[in-house]
């Protein structure tokens, strides 16, 4: 467990400010996940693909920003970033299974991997 500190001179310290760009990006990914799943289930694959691409970009950007600027790191971010990843993959995989686009065995592998990790 990391100690929360506002000392930014040590990159190992995690800032306790929740109002950071990476947190906003992770939160947007969490919000987009059920919307992407809904679009897959309703057959709007173009919108789902565009939103999934945006979600992937937010994942890349929040990681880059948090690594580059220590002031953008937070304890909350270390929790909601992986949560957003798991929600995106879980809901997307489940919706693709629901529409018969993914076989059950593949869903089991993907979701099983996320549960184990």
N, C-alpha and C. Protein backbone atom coordinates (compact mmCIF):
# COMPACT_ATOMS: atom_id res chain seq x y z
N UNK A 1 0.84 -1.18 0.00
CA UNK A 1 0.00 0.00 0.00
C UNK A 1 0.89 1.24 0.00
N UNK A 2 0.64 2.14 -0.92
CA UNK A 2 1.43 3.36 -1.00
C UNK A 2 0.91 4.40 -0.05
N UNK A 3 1.82 5.16 0.50
CA UNK A 3 1.43 6.27 1.36
C UNK A 3 1.07 7.47 0.51
N UNK A 4 -0.04 8.08 0.80
CA UNK A 4 -0.47 9.26 0.07
C UNK A 4 0.26 10.46 0.62
N UNK A 5 0.85 11.21 -0.26
CA UNK A 5 1.63 12.37 0.16
C UNK A 5 1.48 13.48 -0.87
N UNK A 6 1.62 14.68 -0.40
CA UNK A 6 1.57 15.80 -1.34
C UNK A 6 2.98 16.24 -1.72
N UNK A 7 4.01 15.51 -1.25
CA UNK A 7 5.39 15.82 -1.60
C UNK A 7 5.65 15.34 -3.03
N UNK A 8 5.82 16.27 -3.97
CA UNK A 8 5.98 15.90 -5.36
C UNK A 8 7.44 15.75 -5.77
N UNK A 9 8.38 15.95 -4.85
CA UNK A 9 9.78 15.80 -5.20
C UNK A 9 10.15 14.34 -5.39
N UNK A 10 9.43 13.41 -4.78
CA UNK A 10 9.68 11.99 -4.92
C UNK A 10 8.62 11.40 -5.84
N UNK A 11 9.02 10.89 -7.03
CA UNK A 11 8.03 10.35 -7.97
C UNK A 11 7.30 9.12 -7.44
N UNK A 12 7.80 8.50 -6.36
CA UNK A 12 7.11 7.36 -5.78
C UNK A 12 5.89 7.76 -4.98
N UNK A 13 5.82 9.02 -4.61
CA UNK A 13 4.67 9.50 -3.85
C UNK A 13 3.47 9.69 -4.77
N UNK A 14 2.32 9.38 -4.25
CA UNK A 14 1.08 9.55 -5.00
C UNK A 14 0.35 10.74 -4.42
N UNK A 15 0.02 11.68 -5.28
CA UNK A 15 -0.66 12.89 -4.82
C UNK A 15 -2.12 12.58 -4.51
N UNK A 16 -2.66 13.22 -3.47
CA UNK A 16 -4.02 12.93 -3.06
C UNK A 16 -5.05 13.85 -3.71
N UNK A 17 -4.69 14.60 -4.73
CA UNK A 17 -5.61 15.46 -5.46
C UNK A 17 -6.43 14.59 -6.42
N UNK A 18 -7.75 14.60 -6.28
CA UNK A 18 -8.59 13.78 -7.16
C UNK A 18 -8.92 14.50 -8.47
N UNK A 19 -8.69 15.80 -8.52
CA UNK A 19 -9.04 16.58 -9.71
C UNK A 19 -7.84 16.64 -10.66
N UNK A 20 -7.61 15.53 -11.35
CA UNK A 20 -6.50 15.47 -12.29
C UNK A 20 -7.02 15.08 -13.67
N UNK A 21 -6.25 15.37 -14.68
CA UNK A 21 -6.62 15.01 -16.05
C UNK A 21 -6.72 13.50 -16.22
N UNK A 22 -5.74 12.71 -15.72
CA UNK A 22 -5.88 11.26 -15.86
C UNK A 22 -7.14 10.70 -15.19
N UNK A 23 -7.52 11.26 -14.06
CA UNK A 23 -8.75 10.80 -13.40
C UNK A 23 -9.98 11.11 -14.25
N UNK A 24 -10.01 12.28 -14.86
CA UNK A 24 -11.13 12.64 -15.73
C UNK A 24 -11.18 11.71 -16.94
N UNK A 25 -10.02 11.38 -17.49
CA UNK A 25 -9.98 10.46 -18.63
C UNK A 25 -10.45 9.07 -18.23
N UNK A 26 -10.01 8.59 -17.07
CA UNK A 26 -10.44 7.27 -16.59
C UNK A 26 -11.94 7.26 -16.33
N UNK A 27 -12.45 8.32 -15.73
CA UNK A 27 -13.89 8.42 -15.47
C UNK A 27 -14.68 8.43 -16.78
N UNK A 28 -14.16 9.11 -17.79
CA UNK A 28 -14.86 9.13 -19.07
C UNK A 28 -14.91 7.73 -19.68
N UNK A 29 -13.85 6.94 -19.48
CA UNK A 29 -13.84 5.56 -19.97
C UNK A 29 -14.87 4.71 -19.23
N UNK A 30 -15.01 4.92 -17.93
CA UNK A 30 -16.01 4.20 -17.15
C UNK A 30 -17.41 4.56 -17.64
N UNK A 31 -17.65 5.82 -17.93
CA UNK A 31 -18.96 6.27 -18.41
C UNK A 31 -19.23 5.75 -19.82
N UNK A 32 -18.20 5.71 -20.66
CA UNK A 32 -18.39 5.25 -22.05
C UNK A 32 -18.65 3.75 -22.15
N UNK A 33 -18.16 2.98 -21.20
CA UNK A 33 -18.24 1.51 -21.30
C UNK A 33 -19.67 0.99 -21.49
N UNK A 34 -20.63 1.37 -20.64
CA UNK A 34 -22.00 0.86 -20.89
C UNK A 34 -22.62 1.42 -22.16
N UNK A 35 -22.22 2.61 -22.57
CA UNK A 35 -22.74 3.19 -23.82
C UNK A 35 -22.23 2.37 -25.00
N UNK A 36 -20.96 1.98 -24.96
CA UNK A 36 -20.40 1.14 -26.03
C UNK A 36 -21.14 -0.19 -26.07
N UNK A 37 -21.33 -0.81 -24.91
CA UNK A 37 -22.04 -2.09 -24.86
C UNK A 37 -23.46 -1.96 -25.42
N UNK A 38 -24.15 -0.89 -25.05
CA UNK A 38 -25.51 -0.65 -25.56
C UNK A 38 -25.51 -0.54 -27.08
N UNK A 39 -24.54 0.20 -27.62
CA UNK A 39 -24.47 0.36 -29.07
C UNK A 39 -24.17 -0.96 -29.78
N UNK A 40 -23.37 -1.82 -29.17
CA UNK A 40 -23.10 -3.13 -29.76
C UNK A 40 -24.39 -3.96 -29.77
N UNK A 41 -25.08 -3.99 -28.65
CA UNK A 41 -26.30 -4.80 -28.52
C UNK A 41 -27.39 -4.31 -29.47
N UNK A 42 -27.49 -3.01 -29.66
CA UNK A 42 -28.53 -2.47 -30.54
C UNK A 42 -28.11 -2.44 -32.01
N UNK A 43 -26.89 -2.90 -32.30
CA UNK A 43 -26.45 -3.00 -33.69
C UNK A 43 -25.83 -1.76 -34.27
N UNK A 44 -25.59 -0.74 -33.47
CA UNK A 44 -24.94 0.48 -33.96
C UNK A 44 -23.43 0.32 -33.83
N UNK A 45 -22.87 -0.51 -34.69
CA UNK A 45 -21.46 -0.87 -34.59
C UNK A 45 -20.51 0.27 -34.92
N UNK A 46 -20.92 1.17 -35.78
CA UNK A 46 -20.05 2.30 -36.10
C UNK A 46 -19.85 3.19 -34.88
N UNK A 47 -20.94 3.52 -34.19
CA UNK A 47 -20.82 4.33 -32.98
C UNK A 47 -20.02 3.59 -31.92
N UNK A 48 -20.27 2.29 -31.78
CA UNK A 48 -19.53 1.50 -30.79
C UNK A 48 -18.04 1.51 -31.10
N UNK A 49 -17.68 1.36 -32.36
CA UNK A 49 -16.27 1.35 -32.75
C UNK A 49 -15.61 2.71 -32.50
N UNK A 50 -16.31 3.77 -32.83
CA UNK A 50 -15.76 5.11 -32.60
C UNK A 50 -15.55 5.34 -31.09
N UNK A 51 -16.55 5.02 -30.30
CA UNK A 51 -16.43 5.20 -28.85
C UNK A 51 -15.36 4.29 -28.25
N UNK A 52 -15.26 3.07 -28.75
CA UNK A 52 -14.23 2.15 -28.26
C UNK A 52 -12.84 2.70 -28.58
N UNK A 53 -12.68 3.28 -29.76
CA UNK A 53 -11.41 3.89 -30.14
C UNK A 53 -11.07 5.09 -29.24
N UNK A 54 -12.07 5.91 -28.96
CA UNK A 54 -11.87 7.05 -28.05
C UNK A 54 -11.50 6.55 -26.66
N UNK A 55 -12.17 5.50 -26.20
CA UNK A 55 -11.86 4.92 -24.89
C UNK A 55 -10.42 4.41 -24.85
N UNK A 56 -9.98 3.77 -25.92
CA UNK A 56 -8.60 3.31 -25.99
C UNK A 56 -7.62 4.46 -25.94
N UNK A 57 -7.95 5.54 -26.62
CA UNK A 57 -7.09 6.73 -26.60
C UNK A 57 -7.03 7.33 -25.20
N UNK A 58 -8.16 7.37 -24.50
CA UNK A 58 -8.14 7.91 -23.13
C UNK A 58 -7.28 7.05 -22.21
N UNK A 59 -7.29 5.74 -22.44
CA UNK A 59 -6.45 4.84 -21.64
C UNK A 59 -4.97 5.14 -21.88
N UNK A 60 -4.61 5.31 -23.13
CA UNK A 60 -3.22 5.65 -23.46
C UNK A 60 -2.82 6.99 -22.87
N UNK A 61 -3.67 8.00 -23.06
CA UNK A 61 -3.34 9.34 -22.59
C UNK A 61 -3.25 9.45 -21.08
N UNK A 62 -4.19 8.82 -20.35
CA UNK A 62 -4.12 8.95 -18.89
C UNK A 62 -2.85 8.32 -18.35
N UNK A 63 -2.41 7.22 -18.94
CA UNK A 63 -1.16 6.61 -18.51
C UNK A 63 0.05 7.48 -18.81
N UNK A 64 0.08 8.05 -20.00
CA UNK A 64 1.20 8.90 -20.38
C UNK A 64 1.28 10.15 -19.51
N UNK A 65 0.15 10.76 -19.27
CA UNK A 65 0.13 11.99 -18.46
C UNK A 65 0.55 11.69 -17.02
N UNK A 66 0.02 10.62 -16.45
CA UNK A 66 0.35 10.29 -15.06
C UNK A 66 1.83 9.91 -14.90
N UNK A 67 2.41 9.29 -15.92
CA UNK A 67 3.84 8.94 -15.85
C UNK A 67 4.72 10.17 -16.04
N UNK A 68 4.32 11.06 -16.91
CA UNK A 68 5.17 12.21 -17.24
C UNK A 68 5.11 13.32 -16.19
N UNK A 69 3.93 13.59 -15.67
CA UNK A 69 3.76 14.69 -14.71
C UNK A 69 3.34 14.14 -13.35
N UNK A 70 4.24 14.20 -12.42
CA UNK A 70 4.00 13.67 -11.07
C UNK A 70 2.79 14.34 -10.43
N UNK A 71 2.57 15.60 -10.72
CA UNK A 71 1.45 16.32 -10.11
C UNK A 71 0.10 15.75 -10.55
N UNK A 72 0.09 14.92 -11.60
CA UNK A 72 -1.16 14.36 -12.11
C UNK A 72 -1.43 12.95 -11.58
N UNK A 73 -0.57 12.46 -10.70
CA UNK A 73 -0.78 11.14 -10.10
C UNK A 73 -1.70 11.26 -8.89
N UNK A 74 -2.50 10.21 -8.69
CA UNK A 74 -3.36 10.21 -7.50
C UNK A 74 -3.69 8.79 -7.09
N UNK A 75 -4.01 8.65 -5.83
CA UNK A 75 -4.44 7.35 -5.32
C UNK A 75 -5.73 6.92 -6.01
N UNK A 76 -6.65 7.86 -6.18
CA UNK A 76 -7.91 7.54 -6.86
C UNK A 76 -7.63 7.03 -8.27
N UNK A 77 -6.70 7.65 -8.96
CA UNK A 77 -6.36 7.23 -10.32
C UNK A 77 -5.82 5.81 -10.36
N UNK A 78 -5.07 5.43 -9.34
CA UNK A 78 -4.53 4.07 -9.30
C UNK A 78 -5.63 3.04 -9.08
N UNK A 79 -6.81 3.50 -8.69
CA UNK A 79 -7.95 2.60 -8.50
C UNK A 79 -8.88 2.64 -9.71
N UNK A 80 -9.23 3.84 -10.18
CA UNK A 80 -10.24 3.92 -11.24
C UNK A 80 -9.69 3.60 -12.63
N UNK A 81 -8.38 3.73 -12.84
CA UNK A 81 -7.82 3.39 -14.15
C UNK A 81 -7.99 1.90 -14.44
N UNK A 82 -7.54 1.00 -13.56
CA UNK A 82 -7.77 -0.42 -13.85
C UNK A 82 -9.26 -0.79 -13.83
N UNK A 83 -10.06 -0.09 -13.00
CA UNK A 83 -11.49 -0.34 -12.98
C UNK A 83 -12.10 0.00 -14.35
N UNK A 84 -11.69 1.11 -14.92
CA UNK A 84 -12.18 1.51 -16.24
C UNK A 84 -11.78 0.51 -17.31
N UNK A 85 -10.54 0.00 -17.23
CA UNK A 85 -10.09 -1.01 -18.18
C UNK A 85 -10.93 -2.27 -18.09
N UNK A 86 -11.17 -2.73 -16.87
CA UNK A 86 -11.95 -3.96 -16.68
C UNK A 86 -13.41 -3.76 -17.10
N UNK A 87 -13.97 -2.60 -16.82
CA UNK A 87 -15.35 -2.34 -17.25
C UNK A 87 -15.45 -2.32 -18.77
N UNK A 88 -14.51 -1.64 -19.41
CA UNK A 88 -14.53 -1.55 -20.87
C UNK A 88 -14.42 -2.94 -21.50
N UNK A 89 -13.44 -3.72 -21.07
CA UNK A 89 -13.26 -5.05 -21.63
C UNK A 89 -14.41 -5.99 -21.26
N UNK A 90 -14.85 -5.94 -20.01
CA UNK A 90 -15.91 -6.83 -19.57
C UNK A 90 -17.23 -6.57 -20.27
N UNK A 91 -17.65 -5.31 -20.31
CA UNK A 91 -18.93 -4.98 -20.94
C UNK A 91 -18.89 -5.17 -22.45
N UNK A 92 -17.76 -4.84 -23.06
CA UNK A 92 -17.64 -5.04 -24.51
C UNK A 92 -17.68 -6.53 -24.84
N UNK A 93 -16.92 -7.33 -24.09
CA UNK A 93 -16.91 -8.77 -24.32
C UNK A 93 -18.29 -9.38 -24.09
N UNK A 94 -18.94 -9.00 -23.01
CA UNK A 94 -20.27 -9.54 -22.70
C UNK A 94 -21.29 -9.16 -23.78
N UNK A 95 -21.22 -7.93 -24.27
CA UNK A 95 -22.18 -7.51 -25.29
C UNK A 95 -21.91 -8.21 -26.62
N UNK A 96 -20.64 -8.47 -26.93
CA UNK A 96 -20.33 -9.21 -28.15
C UNK A 96 -20.78 -10.67 -28.03
N UNK A 97 -20.69 -11.23 -26.84
CA UNK A 97 -21.21 -12.59 -26.61
C UNK A 97 -22.73 -12.59 -26.75
N UNK A 98 -23.38 -11.60 -26.17
CA UNK A 98 -24.84 -11.50 -26.19
C UNK A 98 -25.37 -11.45 -27.63
N UNK A 99 -24.64 -10.79 -28.50
CA UNK A 99 -25.07 -10.67 -29.91
C UNK A 99 -24.53 -11.82 -30.76
N UNK A 100 -23.93 -12.81 -30.12
CA UNK A 100 -23.38 -14.00 -30.79
C UNK A 100 -22.18 -13.68 -31.67
N UNK A 101 -21.53 -12.56 -31.44
CA UNK A 101 -20.33 -12.22 -32.19
C UNK A 101 -19.09 -12.90 -31.60
N UNK A 102 -19.15 -13.26 -30.31
CA UNK A 102 -18.05 -13.98 -29.63
C UNK A 102 -18.58 -15.30 -29.12
N UNK A 103 -17.82 -16.38 -29.29
CA UNK A 103 -18.24 -17.66 -28.71
C UNK A 103 -18.00 -17.67 -27.19
N UNK A 104 -18.74 -18.50 -26.51
CA UNK A 104 -18.66 -18.57 -25.05
C UNK A 104 -17.26 -18.89 -24.54
N UNK A 105 -16.54 -19.78 -25.23
CA UNK A 105 -15.20 -20.16 -24.76
C UNK A 105 -14.26 -18.96 -24.79
N UNK A 106 -14.39 -18.10 -25.81
CA UNK A 106 -13.53 -16.92 -25.91
C UNK A 106 -13.88 -15.92 -24.80
N UNK A 107 -15.14 -15.75 -24.55
CA UNK A 107 -15.59 -14.87 -23.46
C UNK A 107 -15.03 -15.36 -22.13
N UNK A 108 -15.08 -16.67 -21.92
CA UNK A 108 -14.53 -17.25 -20.70
C UNK A 108 -13.05 -16.95 -20.54
N UNK A 109 -12.29 -17.04 -21.61
CA UNK A 109 -10.86 -16.75 -21.56
C UNK A 109 -10.62 -15.28 -21.25
N UNK A 110 -11.31 -14.40 -21.96
CA UNK A 110 -11.09 -12.95 -21.78
C UNK A 110 -11.51 -12.51 -20.38
N UNK A 111 -12.72 -12.89 -19.95
CA UNK A 111 -13.19 -12.47 -18.63
C UNK A 111 -12.42 -13.17 -17.52
N UNK A 112 -12.06 -14.43 -17.75
CA UNK A 112 -11.26 -15.15 -16.75
C UNK A 112 -9.92 -14.50 -16.52
N UNK A 113 -9.30 -14.05 -17.59
CA UNK A 113 -8.02 -13.35 -17.49
C UNK A 113 -8.17 -12.06 -16.68
N UNK A 114 -9.24 -11.31 -16.96
CA UNK A 114 -9.46 -10.06 -16.22
C UNK A 114 -9.76 -10.32 -14.74
N UNK A 115 -10.46 -11.39 -14.45
CA UNK A 115 -10.77 -11.71 -13.05
C UNK A 115 -9.50 -12.10 -12.31
N UNK A 116 -8.66 -12.91 -12.96
CA UNK A 116 -7.41 -13.35 -12.33
C UNK A 116 -6.46 -12.18 -12.12
N UNK A 117 -6.36 -11.30 -13.10
CA UNK A 117 -5.45 -10.17 -12.99
C UNK A 117 -6.12 -9.08 -12.20
